[in-house]
């Protein structure tokens, strides 16, 4: 989930897996796979950066036990 801000300044948590595409108009319009559209204050670049950061965090958590085991084995 990524945290974004609607135009009325209300925060929203969005499941980034549902993003189909992002339109860059005067506002940032996010189209979801279920047909919904969300208009947010963040730029398209900010949305993409947040999705990347979120997915990176998931991968780091997933591989952390394996890295810990490798580090412990090398001691």
Protein backbone atom coordinates (compact mmCIF):
# COMPACT_ATOMS: atom_id res chain seq x y z
CA UNK A 1 0.00 0.00 0.00
CA UNK A 2 1.18 3.49 -0.76
CA UNK A 3 0.04 6.67 0.95
CA UNK A 4 -1.28 9.41 -1.35
CA UNK A 5 -3.35 12.56 -0.92
CA UNK A 6 -6.67 13.25 -2.63
CA UNK A 7 -7.33 16.74 -3.99
CA UNK A 8 -9.36 17.59 -0.87
CA UNK A 9 -6.22 16.83 1.21
CA UNK A 10 -7.65 13.59 2.62
CA UNK A 11 -4.99 10.87 2.80
CA UNK A 12 -5.69 7.60 1.04
CA UNK A 13 -3.85 4.27 1.11
CA UNK A 14 -3.78 2.67 -2.33
CA UNK A 15 -3.01 -0.91 -3.25
CA UNK A 16 -0.34 -0.25 -5.86
CA UNK A 17 -1.01 -3.62 -7.52
CA UNK A 18 -4.33 -2.20 -8.76
CA UNK A 19 -2.78 0.66 -10.74
CA UNK A 20 -3.46 0.22 -14.45
CA UNK A 21 -2.09 3.55 -15.64
CA UNK A 22 -1.45 7.13 -14.54
CA UNK A 23 -2.60 10.13 -16.57
CA UNK A 24 -0.71 13.38 -16.36
CA UNK A 25 -3.24 16.16 -16.80
CA UNK A 26 -3.20 19.30 -14.71
CA UNK A 27 -3.96 16.76 -11.97
CA UNK A 28 -2.59 13.25 -11.52
CA UNK A 29 -5.33 10.73 -12.36
CA UNK A 30 -4.72 7.11 -11.37
CA UNK A 31 -6.84 4.53 -13.18
CA UNK A 32 -7.27 1.24 -11.36
CA UNK A 33 -7.89 -2.22 -12.77
CA UNK A 34 -11.42 -2.20 -11.30
CA UNK A 35 -12.38 0.91 -13.33
CA UNK A 36 -12.09 3.41 -10.48
CA UNK A 37 -10.17 6.64 -10.95
CA UNK A 38 -8.44 8.48 -8.15
CA UNK A 39 -7.20 12.05 -8.49
CA UNK A 40 -4.26 12.88 -6.23
CA UNK A 41 -2.06 15.84 -5.36
CA UNK A 42 1.20 13.95 -5.92
CA UNK A 43 2.84 14.03 -9.33
CA UNK A 44 3.00 10.91 -11.48
CA UNK A 45 6.73 10.70 -10.75
CA UNK A 46 6.05 10.77 -6.99
CA UNK A 47 3.48 7.98 -7.33
CA UNK A 48 5.92 5.84 -9.30
CA UNK A 49 8.69 6.54 -6.75
CA UNK A 50 6.39 5.46 -3.90
CA UNK A 51 5.42 2.26 -5.70
CA UNK A 52 9.10 1.45 -6.29
CA UNK A 53 9.98 2.19 -2.65
CA UNK A 54 7.09 0.03 -1.43
CA UNK A 55 8.06 -2.92 -3.61
CA UNK A 56 11.73 -2.53 -2.68
CA UNK A 57 10.78 -2.67 1.01
CA UNK A 58 8.80 -5.87 0.42
CA UNK A 59 11.72 -7.53 -1.35
CA UNK A 60 14.19 -6.44 1.34
CA UNK A 61 11.97 -7.97 4.03
CA UNK A 62 11.53 -11.16 2.00
CA UNK A 63 15.27 -11.66 1.50
CA UNK A 64 16.43 -10.46 4.91
CA UNK A 65 16.18 -13.92 6.56
CA UNK A 66 18.22 -15.46 3.72
CA UNK A 67 20.86 -12.74 3.99
CA UNK A 68 21.00 -13.19 7.76
CA UNK A 69 21.53 -16.92 7.32
CA UNK A 70 24.31 -16.37 4.79
CA UNK A 71 26.00 -13.85 7.05
CA UNK A 72 25.75 -16.19 10.05
CA UNK A 73 27.13 -19.10 8.02
CA UNK A 74 30.12 -17.04 6.94
CA UNK A 75 31.14 -16.16 10.47
